[in-house]
């Protein structure tokens, strides 16, 4: 796999905006159990930013990650064509030293979302202080993914 590492200043304007918005929205996380804040920001084809945060639950398996929250919100807004997602996380009283990456369930949902557009979705991952940033794609994060085409479904009309 090939992950590109960047400094914040090397990111494009849209990448910086998405990452900054993910950082800003992370403060809205509902995280009484883990105390870990995650913000995600999708960039729609037209440049619109759609955010999400993690929302935990006492029945831990019912917790919703920030990435899936952003996807569901974008879908409710009728925005399914996305080009980027930025993800950032931090603890209640600590900063991350490694980038925050999507869990397996989120990778699968992001892959499905990417198939609606063109099969390409850029993923921007960052540490809390934005001192380590990785730019990759959902296809690199989920190699040999199982998706709509594997079950004979064409999602391009969505």
C-alpha atoms as a PDB file:
ATOM      1  CA  UNK A   1       0.000   0.000   0.000  1.00  0.00           C
ATOM      2  CA  UNK A   2       1.064   3.511  -0.707  1.00  0.00           C
ATOM      3  CA  UNK A   3       0.288   6.237   1.789  1.00  0.00           C
ATOM      4  CA  UNK A   4       1.416   9.775   1.139  1.00  0.00           C
ATOM      5  CA  UNK A   5       2.533  11.795   4.155  1.00  0.00           C
ATOM      6  CA  UNK A   6       2.039  15.540   4.096  1.00  0.00           C
ATOM      7  CA  UNK A   7       2.565  18.577   6.253  1.00  0.00           C
ATOM      8  CA  UNK A   8      -0.570  20.642   6.812  1.00  0.00           C
ATOM      9  CA  UNK A   9       0.825  23.470   4.664  1.00  0.00           C
ATOM     10  CA  UNK A  10       1.248  21.056   1.730  1.00  0.00           C
ATOM     11  CA  UNK A  11      -2.441  20.141   1.600  1.00  0.00           C
ATOM     12  CA  UNK A  12      -4.717  21.676  -1.006  1.00  0.00           C
ATOM     13  CA  UNK A  13      -7.235  24.286   0.099  1.00  0.00           C
ATOM     14  CA  UNK A  14     -10.111  21.795   0.013  1.00  0.00           C
ATOM     15  CA  UNK A  15      -8.105  19.259   2.027  1.00  0.00           C
ATOM     16  CA  UNK A  16      -7.277  21.883   4.670  1.00  0.00           C
ATOM     17  CA  UNK A  17     -10.899  23.075   4.867  1.00  0.00           C
ATOM     18  CA  UNK A  18     -12.171  19.525   5.324  1.00  0.00           C
ATOM     19  CA  UNK A  19      -9.569  18.719   7.975  1.00  0.00           C
ATOM     20  CA  UNK A  20     -10.215  21.971   9.852  1.00  0.00           C
ATOM     21  CA  UNK A  21     -13.963  21.340   9.769  1.00  0.00           C
ATOM     22  CA  UNK A  22     -13.477  17.757  11.018  1.00  0.00           C
ATOM     23  CA  UNK A  23     -11.393  19.131  13.872  1.00  0.00           C
ATOM     24  CA  UNK A  24     -13.988  21.784  14.716  1.00  0.00           C
ATOM     25  CA  UNK A  25     -16.943  19.397  14.690  1.00  0.00           C
ATOM     26  CA  UNK A  26     -15.137  16.762  16.788  1.00  0.00           C
ATOM     27  CA  UNK A  27     -15.933  18.884  19.845  1.00  0.00           C
ATOM     28  CA  UNK A  28     -19.590  17.898  19.385  1.00  0.00           C
ATOM     29  CA  UNK A  29     -18.903  14.183  19.863  1.00  0.00           C
ATOM     30  CA  UNK A  30     -21.135  12.335  22.299  1.00  0.00           C
ATOM     31  CA  UNK A  31     -18.545  10.130  23.993  1.00  0.00           C
ATOM     32  CA  UNK A  32     -19.345   9.485  27.672  1.00  0.00           C
ATOM     33  CA  UNK A  33     -17.709   6.033  27.579  1.00  0.00           C
ATOM     34  CA  UNK A  34     -14.468   6.345  25.619  1.00  0.00           C
ATOM     35  CA  UNK A  35     -13.901  10.092  26.033  1.00  0.00           C
ATOM     36  CA  UNK A  36     -12.454   9.937  22.508  1.00  0.00           C
ATOM     37  CA  UNK A  37     -13.563  12.659  20.116  1.00  0.00           C
ATOM     38  CA  UNK A  38     -13.710  11.975  16.385  1.00  0.00           C
ATOM     39  CA  UNK A  39     -14.762  14.391  13.681  1.00  0.00           C
ATOM     40  CA  UNK A  40     -15.238  13.577  10.020  1.00  0.00           C
ATOM     41  CA  UNK A  41     -15.904  15.886   7.113  1.00  0.00           C
ATOM     42  CA  UNK A  42     -16.996  14.762   3.656  1.00  0.00           C
ATOM     43  CA  UNK A  43     -16.506  17.012   0.643  1.00  0.00           C
ATOM     44  CA  UNK A  44     -19.321  16.773  -1.901  1.00  0.00           C
ATOM     45  CA  UNK A  45     -18.683  17.095  -5.630  1.00  0.00           C
ATOM     46  CA  UNK A  46     -19.884  20.725  -5.527  1.00  0.00           C
ATOM     47  CA  UNK A  47     -17.560  21.550  -2.630  1.00  0.00           C
ATOM     48  CA  UNK A  48     -20.152  21.398   0.148  1.00  0.00           C
ATOM     49  CA  UNK A  49     -18.795  20.183   3.511  1.00  0.00           C
ATOM     50  CA  UNK A  50     -20.813  17.566   5.414  1.00  0.00           C
ATOM     51  CA  UNK A  51     -19.720  16.738   8.951  1.00  0.00           C
ATOM     52  CA  UNK A  52     -20.267  13.987  11.471  1.00  0.00           C
ATOM     53  CA  UNK A  53     -19.106  13.025  14.949  1.00  0.00           C
ATOM     54  CA  UNK A  54     -19.053   9.831  16.920  1.00  0.00           C
ATOM     55  CA  UNK A  55     -22.150   9.109  18.999  1.00  0.00           C
ATOM     56  CA  UNK A  56     -21.588   6.450  21.643  1.00  0.00           C
ATOM     57  CA  UNK A  57     -24.160   4.233  23.280  1.00  0.00           C
ATOM     58  CA  UNK A  58     -24.312   2.201  26.509  1.00  0.00           C
ATOM     59  CA  UNK A  59     -24.908  -0.792  24.230  1.00  0.00           C
ATOM     60  CA  UNK A  60     -21.411  -0.351  22.787  1.00  0.00           C
ATOM     61  CA  UNK A  61     -22.157  -2.133  19.515  1.00  0.00           C
ATOM     62  CA  UNK A  62     -24.740   0.517  18.712  1.00  0.00           C
ATOM     63  CA  UNK A  63     -22.172   3.319  18.711  1.00  0.00           C
ATOM     64  CA  UNK A  64     -22.029   5.313  15.461  1.00  0.00           C
ATOM     65  CA  UNK A  65     -18.666   6.481  14.212  1.00  0.00           C
ATOM     66  CA  UNK A  66     -18.098   9.989  12.879  1.00  0.00           C
ATOM     67  CA  UNK A  67     -17.473   8.733   9.351  1.00  0.00           C
ATOM     68  CA  UNK A  68     -20.793   6.880   9.133  1.00  0.00           C
ATOM     69  CA  UNK A  69     -22.596   9.812  10.775  1.00  0.00           C
ATOM     70  CA  UNK A  70     -21.274  12.091   8.009  1.00  0.00           C
ATOM     71  CA  UNK A  71     -22.305   9.614   5.302  1.00  0.00           C
ATOM     72  CA  UNK A  72     -25.833   9.266   6.694  1.00  0.00           C
ATOM     73  CA  UNK A  73     -26.136  13.051   6.995  1.00  0.00           C
ATOM     74  CA  UNK A  74     -24.922  13.533   3.401  1.00  0.00           C
ATOM     75  CA  UNK A  75     -27.399  10.918   2.202  1.00  0.00           C
ATOM     76  CA  UNK A  76     -30.258  12.661   4.030  1.00  0.00           C
ATOM     77  CA  UNK A  77     -29.233  15.872   2.264  1.00  0.00           C
ATOM     78  CA  UNK A  78     -29.291  14.082  -1.115  1.00  0.00           C
ATOM     79  CA  UNK A  79     -25.511  14.424  -1.479  1.00  0.00           C
ATOM     80  CA  UNK A  80     -24.014  11.096  -2.484  1.00  0.00           C
ATOM     81  CA  UNK A  81     -21.263  12.227  -4.824  1.00  0.00           C
ATOM     82  CA  UNK A  82     -18.264  12.883  -2.596  1.00  0.00           C
ATOM     83  CA  UNK A  83     -14.613  13.417  -3.382  1.00  0.00           C
ATOM     84  CA  UNK A  84     -12.876  13.526   0.022  1.00  0.00           C
ATOM     85  CA  UNK A  85     -13.252  12.684   3.670  1.00  0.00           C
ATOM     86  CA  UNK A  86     -11.058  14.076   6.433  1.00  0.00           C
ATOM     87  CA  UNK A  87     -10.830  12.349   9.818  1.00  0.00           C
ATOM     88  CA  UNK A  88      -9.243  13.588  13.036  1.00  0.00           C
ATOM     89  CA  UNK A  89      -9.486  12.473  16.643  1.00  0.00           C
ATOM     90  CA  UNK A  90      -8.291  13.280  20.159  1.00  0.00           C
ATOM     91  CA  UNK A  91      -8.795  12.120  23.693  1.00  0.00           C
ATOM     92  CA  UNK A  92     -10.425  14.141  26.412  1.00  0.00           C
ATOM     93  CA  UNK A  93      -7.037  15.018  27.859  1.00  0.00           C
ATOM     94  CA  UNK A  94      -4.549  13.719  25.316  1.00  0.00           C
ATOM     95  CA  UNK A  95      -3.571  14.303  21.705  1.00  0.00           C
ATOM     96  CA  UNK A  96      -3.116  11.472  19.240  1.00  0.00           C
ATOM     97  CA  UNK A  97       0.401  10.678  18.078  1.00  0.00           C
ATOM     98  CA  UNK A  98      -0.773   8.485  15.194  1.00  0.00           C
ATOM     99  CA  UNK A  99      -3.407   9.379  12.620  1.00  0.00           C
ATOM    100  CA  UNK A 100      -6.995   8.429  13.361  1.00  0.00           C
ATOM    101  CA  UNK A 101      -8.200   5.991  10.703  1.00  0.00           C
ATOM    102  CA  UNK A 102     -11.686   4.613  10.032  1.00  0.00           C
ATOM    103  CA  UNK A 103     -12.734   1.287  11.551  1.00  0.00           C
ATOM    104  CA  UNK A 104     -13.604  -1.666   9.325  1.00  0.00           C
ATOM    105  CA  UNK A 105     -17.341  -0.892   9.278  1.00  0.00           C
ATOM    106  CA  UNK A 106     -16.670   2.696   8.264  1.00  0.00           C
ATOM    107  CA  UNK A 107     -14.276   1.574   5.532  1.00  0.00           C
ATOM    108  CA  UNK A 108     -17.018  -0.632   4.083  1.00  0.00           C
ATOM    109  CA  UNK A 109     -19.573   2.208   4.151  1.00  0.00           C
ATOM    110  CA  UNK A 110     -17.077   4.650   2.612  1.00  0.00           C
ATOM    111  CA  UNK A 111     -16.297   2.114  -0.114  1.00  0.00           C
ATOM    112  CA  UNK A 112     -20.016   1.785  -0.910  1.00  0.00           C
ATOM    113  CA  UNK A 113     -20.311   5.577  -1.040  1.00  0.00           C
ATOM    114  CA  UNK A 114     -17.323   5.798  -3.368  1.00  0.00           C
ATOM    115  CA  UNK A 115     -18.974   3.389  -5.802  1.00  0.00           C
ATOM    116  CA  UNK A 116     -21.888   5.763  -6.348  1.00  0.00           C
ATOM    117  CA  UNK A 117     -19.587   8.350  -7.891  1.00  0.00           C
ATOM    118  CA  UNK A 118     -16.526   7.024  -9.608  1.00  0.00           C
ATOM    119  CA  UNK A 119     -14.945   4.517  -7.285  1.00  0.00           C
ATOM    120  CA  UNK A 120     -12.472   7.097  -5.998  1.00  0.00           C
ATOM    121  CA  UNK A 121     -12.610   8.650  -2.543  1.00  0.00           C
ATOM    122  CA  UNK A 122      -9.621  10.452  -1.090  1.00  0.00           C
ATOM    123  CA  UNK A 123      -9.158   9.912   2.654  1.00  0.00           C
ATOM    124  CA  UNK A 124      -7.233  12.455   4.754  1.00  0.00           C
ATOM    125  CA  UNK A 125      -6.125  11.173   8.164  1.00  0.00           C
ATOM    126  CA  UNK A 126      -4.511  13.330  10.828  1.00  0.00           C
ATOM    127  CA  UNK A 127      -3.155  13.463  14.327  1.00  0.00           C
ATOM    128  CA  UNK A 128      -4.713  15.956  16.718  1.00  0.00           C
ATOM    129  CA  UNK A 129      -2.003  18.568  16.188  1.00  0.00           C
ATOM    130  CA  UNK A 130      -1.948  17.992  12.400  1.00  0.00           C
ATOM    131  CA  UNK A 131       1.760  17.233  12.645  1.00  0.00           C
ATOM    132  CA  UNK A 132       1.303  13.867  10.924  1.00  0.00           C
ATOM    133  CA  UNK A 133      -1.110  13.703   7.995  1.00  0.00           C
ATOM    134  CA  UNK A 134      -1.682  10.770   5.659  1.00  0.00           C
ATOM    135  CA  UNK A 135      -3.550  11.115   2.369  1.00  0.00           C
ATOM    136  CA  UNK A 136      -4.741   7.866   0.845  1.00  0.00           C
ATOM    137  CA  UNK A 137      -7.835   6.418  -0.838  1.00  0.00           C
ATOM    138  CA  UNK A 138     -10.611   4.158   0.349  1.00  0.00           C
ATOM    139  CA  UNK A 139      -9.373   1.544  -2.130  1.00  0.00           C
ATOM    140  CA  UNK A 140      -5.977   1.515  -0.385  1.00  0.00           C
ATOM    141  CA  UNK A 141      -7.618   1.302   3.046  1.00  0.00           C
ATOM    142  CA  UNK A 142      -9.926  -1.520   1.944  1.00  0.00           C
ATOM    143  CA  UNK A 143      -8.122  -3.593  -0.689  1.00  0.00           C
ATOM    144  CA  UNK A 144     -10.114  -6.200  -2.596  1.00  0.00           C
ATOM    145  CA  UNK A 145     -13.329  -4.685  -1.245  1.00  0.00           C
ATOM    146  CA  UNK A 146     -16.748  -6.282  -1.641  1.00  0.00           C
ATOM    147  CA  UNK A 147     -19.294  -3.896  -3.066  1.00  0.00           C
ATOM    148  CA  UNK A 148     -22.351  -3.363  -5.236  1.00  0.00           C
ATOM    149  CA  UNK A 149     -20.812  -4.786  -8.402  1.00  0.00           C
ATOM    150  CA  UNK A 150     -20.059  -8.038  -6.588  1.00  0.00           C
ATOM    151  CA  UNK A 151     -23.790  -8.607  -6.121  1.00  0.00           C
ATOM    152  CA  UNK A 152     -24.740  -7.348  -9.586  1.00  0.00           C
ATOM    153  CA  UNK A 153     -26.065  -3.940  -8.516  1.00  0.00           C
ATOM    154  CA  UNK A 154     -25.426  -0.735 -10.439  1.00  0.00           C
ATOM    155  CA  UNK A 155     -25.590   2.199  -7.998  1.00  0.00           C
ATOM    156  CA  UNK A 156     -24.754   4.930 -10.514  1.00  0.00           C
ATOM    157  CA  UNK A 157     -28.371   6.197 -10.589  1.00  0.00           C
ATOM    158  CA  UNK A 158     -28.048   7.212  -6.953  1.00  0.00           C
END
